Protein backbone atom coordinates (compact mmCIF):
# COMPACT_ATOMS: atom_id res chain seq x y z
CA MET A 1 -38.45 -1.19 14.37
CA PRO A 2 -35.25 0.39 12.97
CA ARG A 3 -32.05 -0.23 14.89
CA ALA A 4 -28.80 1.70 15.22
CA TRP A 5 -25.45 1.12 16.89
CA HIS A 6 -24.83 3.53 19.77
CA LEU A 7 -21.58 4.46 21.49
CA LYS A 8 -22.01 2.88 24.93
CA SER A 9 -18.68 4.04 26.37
CA ARG A 10 -15.41 5.59 25.26
CA PRO A 11 -12.53 3.15 24.76
CA SER A 12 -9.07 3.35 26.23
CA GLY A 13 -6.70 1.86 23.69
CA MET A 14 -8.17 -0.78 21.41
CA PRO A 15 -11.99 -0.68 21.44
CA THR A 16 -13.97 -3.76 22.44
CA GLU A 17 -17.52 -4.89 21.74
CA ASP A 18 -18.47 -3.53 25.17
CA ASN A 19 -18.09 0.01 23.77
CA PHE A 20 -21.01 -0.52 21.39
CA GLU A 21 -24.72 -1.13 21.87
CA LEU A 22 -27.35 -2.00 19.26
CA LYS A 23 -30.71 -0.43 20.16
CA PRO A 24 -34.03 0.38 18.48
CA VAL A 25 -34.46 3.94 17.26
CA GLU A 26 -37.67 5.80 16.58
CA LEU A 27 -37.51 7.71 13.31
CA PRO A 28 -39.36 11.03 12.97
CA PRO A 29 -42.21 11.49 10.51
CA LEU A 30 -40.98 12.46 7.08
CA ALA A 31 -40.89 16.24 6.61
CA ASP A 32 -40.65 18.27 3.43
CA GLY A 33 -37.21 18.00 1.87
CA GLN A 34 -36.46 14.63 3.47
CA VAL A 35 -36.20 11.02 2.30
CA ARG A 36 -36.55 7.77 4.17
CA VAL A 37 -33.78 5.35 3.26
CA LYS A 38 -33.37 1.63 3.76
CA ASN A 39 -29.64 1.00 4.05
CA LEU A 40 -28.07 -1.69 1.89
CA TRP A 41 -24.34 -1.20 2.46
CA LEU A 42 -22.44 0.34 5.39
CA SER A 43 -18.86 1.58 5.46
CA VAL A 44 -16.41 1.08 8.30
CA ASP A 45 -13.29 3.21 8.24
CA PRO A 46 -10.25 3.76 10.47
CA TYR A 47 -11.05 7.46 11.02
CA MET A 48 -14.08 6.39 13.04
CA ARG A 49 -11.76 5.32 15.86
CA GLY A 50 -10.84 8.96 16.47
CA ARG A 51 -14.51 9.87 16.68
CA MET A 52 -14.86 7.55 19.66
CA ASN A 53 -12.64 9.90 21.68
CA ASP A 54 -13.88 13.14 23.21
CA VAL A 55 -11.49 15.38 21.31
CA LYS A 56 -11.82 18.21 18.83
CA SER A 57 -11.13 17.11 15.28
CA TYR A 58 -12.20 17.66 11.69
CA VAL A 59 -15.35 15.60 12.31
CA PRO A 60 -17.49 15.68 15.47
CA SER A 61 -16.95 13.02 18.12
CA PHE A 62 -19.51 10.30 18.63
CA GLN A 63 -21.51 11.05 21.77
CA VAL A 64 -21.95 8.44 24.49
CA GLY A 65 -25.48 7.08 24.42
CA GLU A 66 -26.18 8.43 20.93
CA PRO A 67 -26.33 6.67 17.54
CA MET A 68 -23.10 6.45 15.56
CA ASP A 69 -22.91 7.37 11.89
CA GLY A 70 -20.81 6.92 8.79
CA GLY A 71 -20.96 6.32 5.07
CA ALA A 72 -23.85 4.28 3.70
CA ILE A 73 -25.61 3.34 0.48
CA GLY A 74 -29.35 2.93 0.66
CA GLU A 75 -32.60 2.79 -1.29
CA VAL A 76 -35.15 5.56 -0.98
CA ILE A 77 -38.40 4.01 0.29
CA GLU A 78 -40.31 7.25 0.85
CA SER A 79 -39.70 10.78 -0.37
CA LYS A 80 -40.93 14.28 0.31
CA ALA A 81 -38.05 15.81 -1.62
CA GLU A 82 -38.07 17.05 -5.18
CA GLY A 83 -35.93 14.92 -7.47
CA PHE A 84 -35.99 11.80 -5.26
CA GLN A 85 -38.29 8.86 -5.88
CA PRO A 86 -38.75 5.49 -4.18
CA GLY A 87 -36.22 3.09 -5.63
CA ASP A 88 -33.47 5.70 -6.05
CA LEU A 89 -30.09 4.62 -4.68
CA VAL A 90 -28.36 7.28 -2.59
CA GLN A 91 -25.16 7.76 -0.67
CA HIS A 92 -25.38 9.45 2.71
CA MET A 93 -23.77 9.60 6.17
CA SER A 94 -26.44 7.92 8.32
CA GLY A 95 -24.69 4.58 8.57
CA TRP A 96 -24.31 2.21 11.54
CA ARG A 97 -28.10 1.57 11.23
CA ASP A 98 -30.57 -0.17 8.98
CA GLU A 99 -32.92 2.73 8.21
CA ALA A 100 -32.68 6.52 8.35
CA VAL A 101 -34.51 9.74 7.64
CA VAL A 102 -32.12 12.00 5.74
CA PRO A 103 -32.34 15.58 4.44
CA ALA A 104 -32.25 15.34 0.66
CA ARG A 105 -29.62 18.08 0.49
CA ILE A 106 -27.05 15.72 2.04
CA ALA A 107 -28.14 12.60 0.13
CA GLN A 108 -26.35 12.07 -3.17
CA LYS A 109 -27.99 10.01 -5.91
CA LEU A 110 -25.51 7.51 -7.32
CA PRO A 111 -24.13 8.40 -10.75
CA ASP A 112 -25.12 6.02 -13.53
CA PHE A 113 -21.73 4.46 -14.31
CA GLY A 114 -23.05 0.91 -14.52
CA ALA A 115 -21.03 0.01 -11.42
CA PRO A 116 -22.26 -1.99 -8.41
CA PRO A 117 -23.58 0.42 -5.76
CA GLU A 118 -21.13 -0.69 -3.07
CA LEU A 119 -18.23 0.68 -5.13
CA PHE A 120 -19.43 4.18 -4.24
CA LEU A 121 -18.32 3.49 -0.67
CA GLY A 122 -14.95 2.38 -1.98
CA ILE A 123 -13.06 2.93 -5.19
CA LEU A 124 -15.73 5.28 -6.65
CA GLY A 125 -16.34 7.05 -3.34
CA VAL A 126 -14.42 8.76 -0.57
CA THR A 127 -11.88 5.92 -0.49
CA GLY A 128 -10.95 6.36 -4.14
CA MET A 129 -11.01 10.15 -3.88
CA THR A 130 -8.65 10.00 -0.90
CA ALA A 131 -6.17 7.93 -2.89
CA TYR A 132 -6.54 10.02 -6.05
CA PHE A 133 -6.18 13.51 -4.60
CA GLY A 134 -3.77 12.48 -1.87
CA LEU A 135 -1.36 11.03 -4.41
CA LEU A 136 -1.76 13.48 -7.27
CA ASP A 137 -2.46 16.72 -5.41
CA ALA A 138 -1.18 16.50 -1.82
CA ALA A 139 1.97 14.61 -2.87
CA SER A 140 2.19 16.12 -6.38
CA ALA A 141 3.16 12.68 -7.70
CA LYS A 142 4.03 12.44 -11.38
CA ALA A 143 5.17 9.93 -13.99
CA GLY A 144 8.62 8.53 -13.24
CA ASP A 145 8.38 8.98 -9.47
CA VAL A 146 9.23 6.16 -7.09
CA VAL A 147 6.25 5.88 -4.74
CA PHE A 148 6.12 4.04 -1.43
CA VAL A 149 2.64 3.13 -0.15
CA SER A 150 2.00 1.78 3.34
CA ALA A 151 -1.02 -0.45 4.07
CA ALA A 152 -1.03 -1.17 0.34
CA ALA A 153 -3.53 -4.03 0.71
CA GLY A 154 -6.07 -1.78 2.39
CA ALA A 155 -8.87 0.22 0.83
CA VAL A 156 -7.00 3.48 0.23
CA GLY A 157 -3.56 1.94 -0.19
CA SER A 158 -4.63 -0.50 -2.91
CA ALA A 159 -6.25 2.36 -4.81
CA VAL A 160 -3.05 4.43 -4.53
CA VAL A 161 -1.01 1.55 -5.96
CA GLN A 162 -3.23 1.30 -9.03
CA ILE A 163 -3.55 5.03 -9.65
CA ALA A 164 0.22 5.41 -9.42
CA LYS A 165 0.74 2.64 -11.96
CA ALA A 166 -1.89 4.13 -14.28
CA LYS A 167 0.08 7.40 -14.13
CA GLY A 168 3.43 5.82 -14.97
CA MET A 169 5.07 5.60 -11.54
CA THR A 170 7.18 2.90 -9.92
CA VAL A 171 5.39 1.57 -6.84
CA ILE A 172 6.65 -0.10 -3.68
CA GLY A 173 3.90 -1.33 -1.37
CA SER A 174 3.99 -2.69 2.15
CA ALA A 175 1.55 -5.25 3.54
CA GLY A 176 1.42 -7.80 6.32
CA GLY A 177 1.61 -11.47 5.42
CA ALA A 178 2.01 -13.53 2.27
CA GLU A 179 -1.64 -13.36 1.15
CA LYS A 180 -1.82 -9.57 1.33
CA CYS A 181 1.57 -9.18 -0.33
CA GLU A 182 0.44 -11.36 -3.22
CA PHE A 183 -2.68 -9.21 -3.59
CA VAL A 184 -0.56 -6.05 -3.76
CA ARG A 185 1.59 -7.65 -6.48
CA SER A 186 -1.53 -8.66 -8.38
CA ILE A 187 -2.70 -5.04 -8.64
CA GLY A 188 0.58 -3.91 -10.14
CA ALA A 189 3.09 -3.01 -7.41
CA ASP A 190 6.65 -3.33 -8.69
CA GLN A 191 7.94 -4.46 -5.30
CA VAL A 192 6.22 -5.50 -2.09
CA ILE A 193 7.57 -5.49 1.46
CA ASP A 194 6.14 -7.89 4.04
CA TYR A 195 6.50 -5.83 7.20
CA LYS A 196 5.66 -8.87 9.32
CA ALA A 197 8.65 -10.76 7.94
CA GLY A 198 11.36 -8.31 8.97
CA SER A 199 12.44 -4.71 9.42
CA ILE A 200 10.44 -2.28 7.30
CA LEU A 201 13.49 -0.02 7.07
CA LYS A 202 15.71 -2.79 5.73
CA GLY A 203 13.00 -3.90 3.34
CA LEU A 204 12.44 -0.41 1.99
CA ALA A 205 16.14 0.32 1.65
CA ALA A 206 16.55 -2.86 -0.40
CA ALA A 207 13.47 -2.14 -2.53
CA ALA A 208 14.49 1.49 -3.18
CA PRO A 209 18.30 1.61 -3.17
CA ASP A 210 18.22 5.04 -4.83
CA GLY A 211 15.50 6.36 -2.52
CA ILE A 212 11.84 7.35 -2.91
CA ASP A 213 10.22 10.48 -4.34
CA VAL A 214 6.79 10.07 -2.77
CA TYR A 215 5.43 8.43 0.35
CA PHE A 216 1.69 7.88 0.85
CA ASP A 217 1.29 7.34 4.58
CA ASN A 218 -1.61 5.34 5.97
CA VAL A 219 0.25 3.94 8.96
CA GLY A 220 2.73 6.30 10.65
CA GLY A 221 5.18 4.74 13.11
CA ASP A 222 8.02 2.64 11.71
CA HIS A 223 6.75 3.03 8.14
CA LEU A 224 6.91 6.80 8.28
CA ASP A 225 10.33 6.67 9.95
CA ALA A 226 11.64 4.35 7.23
CA ALA A 227 10.34 6.74 4.58
CA PHE A 228 12.22 9.61 6.25
CA ALA A 229 15.37 7.48 6.12
CA VAL A 230 15.29 6.71 2.38
CA ALA A 231 13.66 9.86 0.98
CA ARG A 232 15.39 11.60 -1.89
CA ASN A 233 15.90 15.33 -1.88
CA ASN A 234 12.60 17.19 -2.26
CA ALA A 235 10.52 14.08 -1.61
CA ARG A 236 6.81 14.68 -0.99
CA PHE A 237 4.83 12.88 1.70
CA ALA A 238 1.02 12.75 1.73
CA ILE A 239 -0.06 12.10 5.31
CA CYS A 240 -3.42 10.38 5.06
CA GLY A 241 -3.72 8.37 8.27
CA MET A 242 -1.63 6.90 11.08
CA ILE A 243 -3.51 3.75 12.03
CA GLU A 244 -0.54 2.45 14.02
CA GLY A 245 -1.18 5.14 16.61
CA TYR A 246 -4.99 5.17 16.74
CA ASN A 247 -5.15 2.78 19.70
CA ALA A 248 -1.69 3.46 21.13
CA LYS A 249 -1.26 4.84 24.64
CA GLU A 250 2.27 6.10 24.00
CA PRO A 251 3.26 8.71 21.37
CA MET A 252 5.14 7.71 18.25
CA SER A 253 8.86 8.41 18.04
CA PHE A 254 10.91 8.97 14.89
CA ARG A 255 14.62 8.33 14.68
CA PHE A 256 15.07 9.72 11.16
CA ILE A 257 12.80 12.76 11.30
CA PRO A 258 15.78 15.20 11.16
CA ARG A 259 16.13 14.24 7.48
CA ILE A 260 13.15 16.50 6.78
CA ILE A 261 15.63 19.36 6.85
CA ALA A 262 18.60 17.90 4.99
CA ALA A 263 16.50 16.27 2.27
CA ARG A 264 14.00 19.17 2.07
CA ILE A 265 11.13 16.73 2.54
CA GLN A 266 7.65 18.19 2.15
CA LEU A 267 4.92 16.73 4.39
CA LYS A 268 1.32 17.57 3.67
CA GLY A 269 -1.62 16.38 5.71
CA PHE A 270 -4.96 16.49 3.93
CA ILE A 271 -8.66 15.96 4.57
CA ILE A 272 -10.73 14.60 1.71
CA PHE A 273 -13.61 16.99 2.45
CA ASP A 274 -11.45 19.75 0.96
CA TYR A 275 -11.59 18.03 -2.43
CA PHE A 276 -15.35 17.48 -2.68
CA PRO A 277 -15.74 20.45 -5.07
CA ARG A 278 -13.45 18.56 -7.47
CA MET A 279 -15.49 15.34 -7.45
CA SER A 280 -16.25 15.58 -11.18
CA GLU A 281 -12.51 15.63 -11.90
CA PHE A 282 -12.11 12.42 -9.92
CA TYR A 283 -15.06 10.71 -11.63
CA GLY A 284 -13.71 11.78 -15.03
CA GLU A 285 -10.63 9.58 -14.62
CA MET A 286 -11.63 6.96 -12.08
CA ALA A 287 -14.94 5.85 -13.63
CA PRO A 288 -13.30 4.92 -16.99
CA TRP A 289 -10.43 3.19 -15.17
CA VAL A 290 -12.88 1.06 -13.21
CA ALA A 291 -14.98 0.34 -16.30
CA ASN A 292 -12.00 -0.83 -18.40
CA GLY A 293 -10.27 -2.73 -15.58
CA THR A 294 -7.28 -0.43 -15.18
CA VAL A 295 -8.28 -0.05 -11.53
CA LYS A 296 -9.84 -3.02 -9.77
CA SER A 297 -11.80 -3.07 -6.55
CA ARG A 298 -11.67 -5.68 -3.83
CA GLN A 299 -13.92 -5.75 -0.78
CA THR A 300 -14.04 -7.68 2.46
CA VAL A 301 -17.76 -8.06 3.15
CA VAL A 302 -19.29 -8.79 6.55
CA ASP A 303 -22.98 -9.72 6.58
CA GLY A 304 -25.51 -8.24 8.96
CA LEU A 305 -25.97 -5.11 11.03
CA GLU A 306 -25.33 -7.20 14.15
CA ASN A 307 -21.73 -7.71 13.04
CA MET A 308 -20.88 -4.03 12.44
CA PRO A 309 -18.53 -3.70 15.46
CA ASP A 310 -16.73 -6.91 14.46
CA ALA A 311 -16.11 -5.47 11.00
CA PHE A 312 -14.88 -2.19 12.49
CA LEU A 313 -12.52 -3.87 14.97
CA GLY A 314 -11.27 -6.09 12.15
CA LEU A 315 -9.71 -3.02 10.53
CA PHE A 316 -7.23 -2.80 13.42
CA LYS A 317 -6.51 -6.52 13.38
CA GLY A 318 -5.60 -6.60 9.69
CA GLU A 319 -8.62 -8.72 8.75
CA ASN A 320 -9.53 -6.80 5.59
CA VAL A 321 -8.13 -6.89 2.11
CA GLY A 322 -9.34 -3.85 0.20
CA LYS A 323 -12.44 -2.05 1.45
CA MET A 324 -14.26 -3.32 4.54
CA LEU A 325 -18.03 -3.25 4.09
CA VAL A 326 -21.10 -4.45 5.95
CA LYS A 327 -23.94 -5.78 3.81
CA LEU A 328 -27.50 -5.56 5.13
């Protein structure tokens, strides 16, 4: 019988395994316009932490006692929808489970780029789109800019590093620990700051003595404050995520935030859903980059549906390099 992870209780601070429960689910009979999908790959992403809270946001909260969901790649095993046949690989949002019945209108057949299917949950999917449009549109980054990227060894951050280099920018990345810093160097960053080895502000000031033009924020907290401190006039910040505060019980504080005024810093938060109509634009550049090796993908793969919560919690413990995925 199919199984799905349910939200058992809402966490306070860092979630634990006690907040999750794996239970059988009974799938409805297939109706017209629907497909039955056997999931092959599941995505775990930091934004899912916010969905565990009972708050209004840009995506609905998970409901206690109900199945959770998220990005997934699966194989169609039964279809009552025109244009979908058994064997088709599709991307959809009924993750956190091994099988799902999905309306065909919200299932996207994978483009034929000759790429492994799991890349469509990462560099060729929402992850890559977030990096691409966040850097080039939200932050209006251009050739010659000095770009600072936090969490540069993560899924989005590592994509930002490579896109920025492909577009002729100078890139400074931050990561935690020697292994992750070496990975960030290997994908092209000009300088890398190990935030676990010392002050991020001192590290950034040394790496960018003349300041930064662009900051791609995945972290918030001390990283964002350091970026305020060293920003050049008219710097542009793309605010993608603030993982440092997702499990915090106290609000963040910023010593250097007044520089927004003096340096005319522009901050723009963005949600990737807004860019879905421009997906073909993203594929037009990213697919050739991936094919020719200009942009490389790295995944941290956890095996088995049973280990889904472990993979998710690993995001907040720094256990992933690149995209965190669960393979079924």
